[in-house]
N, C-alpha and C. Protein backbone atom coordinates (compact mmCIF):
# COMPACT_ATOMS: atom_id res chain seq x y z
N MET A 1 -11.52 16.66 -19.82
CA MET A 1 -12.25 15.67 -19.06
C MET A 1 -11.56 14.32 -19.20
N ALA A 2 -11.50 13.61 -18.10
CA ALA A 2 -10.88 12.29 -18.08
C ALA A 2 -11.76 11.28 -18.79
N LYS A 3 -11.14 10.18 -19.20
CA LYS A 3 -11.91 9.12 -19.87
C LYS A 3 -12.91 8.51 -18.89
N LYS A 4 -14.05 8.14 -19.42
CA LYS A 4 -15.09 7.54 -18.59
C LYS A 4 -14.60 6.25 -17.94
N SER A 5 -13.75 5.51 -18.67
CA SER A 5 -13.27 4.23 -18.14
C SER A 5 -12.39 4.43 -16.90
N SER A 6 -11.55 5.47 -16.90
CA SER A 6 -10.69 5.70 -15.74
C SER A 6 -11.50 6.18 -14.53
N ILE A 7 -12.53 6.97 -14.78
CA ILE A 7 -13.40 7.42 -13.69
C ILE A 7 -14.16 6.22 -13.12
N ALA A 8 -14.67 5.36 -14.01
CA ALA A 8 -15.41 4.17 -13.57
C ALA A 8 -14.50 3.22 -12.80
N ARG A 9 -13.25 3.10 -13.23
CA ARG A 9 -12.30 2.22 -12.55
C ARG A 9 -12.05 2.71 -11.12
N ASP A 10 -11.96 4.03 -10.96
CA ASP A 10 -11.75 4.57 -9.61
C ASP A 10 -12.98 4.38 -8.73
N HIS A 11 -14.18 4.49 -9.30
CA HIS A 11 -15.39 4.24 -8.51
C HIS A 11 -15.46 2.78 -8.08
N LYS A 12 -15.02 1.90 -8.97
CA LYS A 12 -14.99 0.48 -8.64
C LYS A 12 -14.01 0.23 -7.49
N ARG A 13 -12.85 0.90 -7.54
CA ARG A 13 -11.88 0.77 -6.46
C ARG A 13 -12.46 1.29 -5.14
N ASP A 14 -13.18 2.40 -5.20
CA ASP A 14 -13.80 2.95 -3.98
C ASP A 14 -14.72 1.92 -3.33
N ARG A 15 -15.56 1.28 -4.15
CA ARG A 15 -16.49 0.28 -3.63
C ARG A 15 -15.74 -0.91 -3.04
N MET A 16 -14.66 -1.33 -3.70
CA MET A 16 -13.88 -2.46 -3.22
C MET A 16 -13.18 -2.14 -1.91
N ILE A 17 -12.66 -0.94 -1.79
CA ILE A 17 -11.97 -0.53 -0.56
C ILE A 17 -12.94 -0.58 0.62
N ILE A 18 -14.15 -0.10 0.40
CA ILE A 18 -15.15 -0.10 1.47
C ILE A 18 -15.57 -1.53 1.83
N SER A 19 -15.76 -2.37 0.81
CA SER A 19 -16.26 -3.72 1.09
C SER A 19 -15.22 -4.60 1.79
N TYR A 20 -13.94 -4.38 1.53
CA TYR A 20 -12.90 -5.21 2.13
C TYR A 20 -12.23 -4.55 3.34
N ALA A 21 -12.71 -3.41 3.79
CA ALA A 21 -12.04 -2.67 4.87
C ALA A 21 -11.98 -3.47 6.17
N LYS A 22 -13.09 -4.07 6.57
CA LYS A 22 -13.11 -4.83 7.83
C LYS A 22 -12.19 -6.04 7.77
N LYS A 23 -12.27 -6.77 6.68
CA LYS A 23 -11.44 -7.96 6.52
C LYS A 23 -9.95 -7.59 6.52
N ARG A 24 -9.62 -6.49 5.84
CA ARG A 24 -8.23 -6.04 5.76
C ARG A 24 -7.69 -5.63 7.13
N THR A 25 -8.48 -4.89 7.91
CA THR A 25 -8.02 -4.49 9.24
C THR A 25 -7.87 -5.69 10.16
N GLU A 26 -8.77 -6.66 10.03
CA GLU A 26 -8.67 -7.86 10.86
C GLU A 26 -7.41 -8.65 10.53
N LEU A 27 -7.12 -8.81 9.24
CA LEU A 27 -5.92 -9.55 8.84
C LEU A 27 -4.64 -8.82 9.27
N LYS A 28 -4.66 -7.50 9.23
CA LYS A 28 -3.50 -6.72 9.69
C LYS A 28 -3.32 -6.86 11.19
N ARG A 29 -4.43 -6.88 11.92
CA ARG A 29 -4.35 -7.01 13.38
C ARG A 29 -3.75 -8.35 13.78
N ILE A 30 -4.16 -9.40 13.07
CA ILE A 30 -3.64 -10.73 13.35
C ILE A 30 -2.19 -10.86 12.87
N GLY A 31 -1.87 -10.17 11.79
CA GLY A 31 -0.54 -10.27 11.20
C GLY A 31 -0.47 -11.35 10.13
N ASP A 32 -1.61 -11.68 9.55
CA ASP A 32 -1.68 -12.72 8.53
C ASP A 32 -1.36 -12.14 7.15
N LEU A 33 -0.08 -12.21 6.77
CA LEU A 33 0.34 -11.65 5.49
C LEU A 33 -0.17 -12.48 4.31
N GLU A 34 -0.25 -13.79 4.49
CA GLU A 34 -0.76 -14.65 3.41
C GLU A 34 -2.21 -14.29 3.07
N GLY A 35 -3.00 -14.02 4.09
CA GLY A 35 -4.39 -13.62 3.87
C GLY A 35 -4.48 -12.29 3.16
N LEU A 36 -3.58 -11.37 3.51
CA LEU A 36 -3.57 -10.07 2.84
C LEU A 36 -3.19 -10.22 1.37
N TYR A 37 -2.26 -11.12 1.08
CA TYR A 37 -1.84 -11.32 -0.31
C TYR A 37 -2.97 -11.87 -1.16
N ARG A 38 -3.88 -12.61 -0.54
CA ARG A 38 -4.99 -13.23 -1.28
C ARG A 38 -6.11 -12.24 -1.60
N LEU A 39 -6.15 -11.12 -0.91
CA LEU A 39 -7.18 -10.12 -1.19
C LEU A 39 -6.91 -9.46 -2.55
N PRO A 40 -7.95 -8.94 -3.20
CA PRO A 40 -7.75 -8.25 -4.48
C PRO A 40 -6.87 -7.02 -4.31
N ARG A 41 -6.07 -6.74 -5.30
CA ARG A 41 -5.16 -5.59 -5.23
C ARG A 41 -5.92 -4.27 -5.11
N ASN A 42 -7.03 -4.18 -5.81
CA ASN A 42 -7.79 -2.93 -5.79
C ASN A 42 -8.50 -2.68 -4.47
N SER A 43 -8.43 -3.61 -3.54
CA SER A 43 -9.05 -3.38 -2.24
C SER A 43 -8.12 -2.59 -1.31
N SER A 44 -6.90 -2.35 -1.76
CA SER A 44 -5.96 -1.58 -0.97
C SER A 44 -6.21 -0.08 -1.15
N PRO A 45 -6.31 0.69 -0.06
CA PRO A 45 -6.59 2.12 -0.18
C PRO A 45 -5.48 2.91 -0.86
N VAL A 46 -4.29 2.35 -0.94
CA VAL A 46 -3.17 3.04 -1.56
C VAL A 46 -3.39 3.21 -3.07
N ARG A 47 -4.14 2.32 -3.66
CA ARG A 47 -4.34 2.35 -5.11
C ARG A 47 -5.39 3.35 -5.57
N LYS A 48 -6.06 4.02 -4.64
CA LYS A 48 -7.08 4.99 -5.00
C LYS A 48 -6.45 6.29 -5.48
N ASN A 49 -7.03 6.88 -6.52
CA ASN A 49 -6.57 8.16 -7.04
C ASN A 49 -7.53 9.25 -6.62
N ASN A 50 -6.99 10.42 -6.31
CA ASN A 50 -7.83 11.59 -6.09
C ASN A 50 -8.20 12.17 -7.45
N ARG A 51 -9.49 12.44 -7.65
CA ARG A 51 -9.94 12.98 -8.92
C ARG A 51 -10.85 14.18 -8.70
N CYS A 52 -10.83 15.08 -9.66
CA CYS A 52 -11.69 16.26 -9.65
C CYS A 52 -13.15 15.80 -9.68
N LEU A 53 -13.98 16.43 -8.87
CA LEU A 53 -15.39 16.05 -8.80
C LEU A 53 -16.14 16.37 -10.09
N ILE A 54 -15.70 17.39 -10.81
CA ILE A 54 -16.42 17.83 -12.00
C ILE A 54 -15.89 17.18 -13.27
N THR A 55 -14.56 17.24 -13.47
CA THR A 55 -13.99 16.76 -14.72
C THR A 55 -13.39 15.37 -14.62
N GLY A 56 -13.03 14.92 -13.43
CA GLY A 56 -12.41 13.61 -13.27
C GLY A 56 -10.91 13.64 -13.47
N ARG A 57 -10.34 14.82 -13.63
CA ARG A 57 -8.89 14.95 -13.83
C ARG A 57 -8.15 14.54 -12.56
N SER A 58 -7.06 13.77 -12.74
CA SER A 58 -6.33 13.28 -11.57
C SER A 58 -5.11 14.14 -11.25
N ARG A 59 -4.61 14.87 -12.21
CA ARG A 59 -3.43 15.70 -11.96
C ARG A 59 -3.84 17.10 -11.55
N GLY A 60 -3.02 17.75 -10.75
CA GLY A 60 -3.32 19.10 -10.30
C GLY A 60 -4.52 19.14 -9.37
N TYR A 61 -4.67 18.13 -8.55
CA TYR A 61 -5.82 17.99 -7.66
C TYR A 61 -5.59 18.80 -6.39
N MET A 62 -6.57 19.61 -6.00
CA MET A 62 -6.51 20.39 -4.76
C MET A 62 -7.41 19.70 -3.74
N ARG A 63 -6.79 19.11 -2.74
CA ARG A 63 -7.50 18.26 -1.78
C ARG A 63 -8.57 19.03 -1.01
N TYR A 64 -8.28 20.24 -0.62
CA TYR A 64 -9.20 21.02 0.21
C TYR A 64 -10.53 21.27 -0.51
N PHE A 65 -10.47 21.48 -1.82
CA PHE A 65 -11.68 21.79 -2.59
C PHE A 65 -12.23 20.58 -3.35
N GLY A 66 -11.40 19.56 -3.58
CA GLY A 66 -11.84 18.41 -4.33
C GLY A 66 -11.92 18.68 -5.82
N LEU A 67 -11.16 19.67 -6.28
CA LEU A 67 -11.20 20.07 -7.68
C LEU A 67 -9.79 20.09 -8.26
N SER A 68 -9.71 20.01 -9.59
CA SER A 68 -8.42 20.19 -10.24
C SER A 68 -8.13 21.69 -10.30
N ARG A 69 -6.88 22.03 -10.57
CA ARG A 69 -6.48 23.44 -10.60
C ARG A 69 -7.21 24.21 -11.69
N ILE A 70 -7.48 23.56 -12.80
CA ILE A 70 -8.15 24.23 -13.93
C ILE A 70 -9.60 24.54 -13.58
N THR A 71 -10.30 23.55 -13.05
CA THR A 71 -11.69 23.74 -12.66
C THR A 71 -11.80 24.76 -11.54
N PHE A 72 -10.85 24.69 -10.59
CA PHE A 72 -10.85 25.64 -9.48
C PHE A 72 -10.73 27.07 -9.99
N ARG A 73 -9.82 27.29 -10.94
CA ARG A 73 -9.61 28.64 -11.48
C ARG A 73 -10.85 29.14 -12.20
N GLU A 74 -11.48 28.27 -12.98
CA GLU A 74 -12.70 28.67 -13.70
C GLU A 74 -13.81 29.06 -12.73
N LEU A 75 -14.04 28.24 -11.72
CA LEU A 75 -15.11 28.52 -10.76
C LEU A 75 -14.79 29.74 -9.90
N ALA A 76 -13.51 29.91 -9.55
CA ALA A 76 -13.13 31.07 -8.74
C ALA A 76 -13.29 32.36 -9.54
N SER A 77 -12.97 32.32 -10.82
CA SER A 77 -13.12 33.52 -11.67
C SER A 77 -14.58 33.91 -11.82
N LYS A 78 -15.46 32.91 -11.85
CA LYS A 78 -16.90 33.19 -11.96
C LYS A 78 -17.50 33.62 -10.62
N GLY A 79 -16.74 33.40 -9.53
CA GLY A 79 -17.24 33.75 -8.21
C GLY A 79 -18.15 32.69 -7.62
N GLU A 80 -18.01 31.46 -8.06
CA GLU A 80 -18.89 30.40 -7.61
C GLU A 80 -18.36 29.64 -6.39
N ILE A 81 -17.13 29.96 -5.97
CA ILE A 81 -16.58 29.34 -4.77
C ILE A 81 -16.61 30.40 -3.67
N PRO A 82 -17.38 30.18 -2.61
CA PRO A 82 -17.50 31.20 -1.56
C PRO A 82 -16.18 31.42 -0.83
N GLY A 83 -15.86 32.68 -0.61
CA GLY A 83 -14.66 33.03 0.13
C GLY A 83 -13.40 33.14 -0.70
N ILE A 84 -13.48 32.84 -1.98
CA ILE A 84 -12.31 32.91 -2.86
C ILE A 84 -12.46 34.11 -3.78
N THR A 85 -11.46 34.98 -3.75
CA THR A 85 -11.46 36.15 -4.63
C THR A 85 -10.12 36.25 -5.34
N LYS A 86 -10.11 36.88 -6.48
CA LYS A 86 -8.87 37.08 -7.22
C LYS A 86 -8.03 38.12 -6.47
N SER A 87 -6.75 37.80 -6.32
CA SER A 87 -5.92 38.71 -5.56
C SER A 87 -5.58 39.96 -6.37
N SER A 88 -5.42 41.07 -5.67
CA SER A 88 -4.99 42.32 -6.30
C SER A 88 -4.24 43.12 -5.25
N TRP A 89 -3.15 43.75 -5.68
CA TRP A 89 -2.36 44.52 -4.71
C TRP A 89 -1.80 45.77 -5.30
C-alpha cells in the first residue's frame, strides 16, 4: 500500500486541476504564457499520477481496470472481476 501522504497529495492535485481548468483553458486560448506561469504547478493535468483504486500503488497501473497489476491478479484469481478468467490451454 502506498503512503497516505502520496495518496492525499494526488487527491489535492485532482481538486486543483478541476478548480483551475477553466482559467487554464482561457489563458491557453488567449496565448497568455505569463498568466499560465503564475498558476500553481499542481493545477497542470500533466502532474497527475494514475493510482490503484484499492492500494494507491502508482506503478504497474492498468488503465482499463483502474487497478495495479498485483491487485488485479488477486481479484481475478478470486473471480471478483467479471469476465476475467485464468487462461488454460
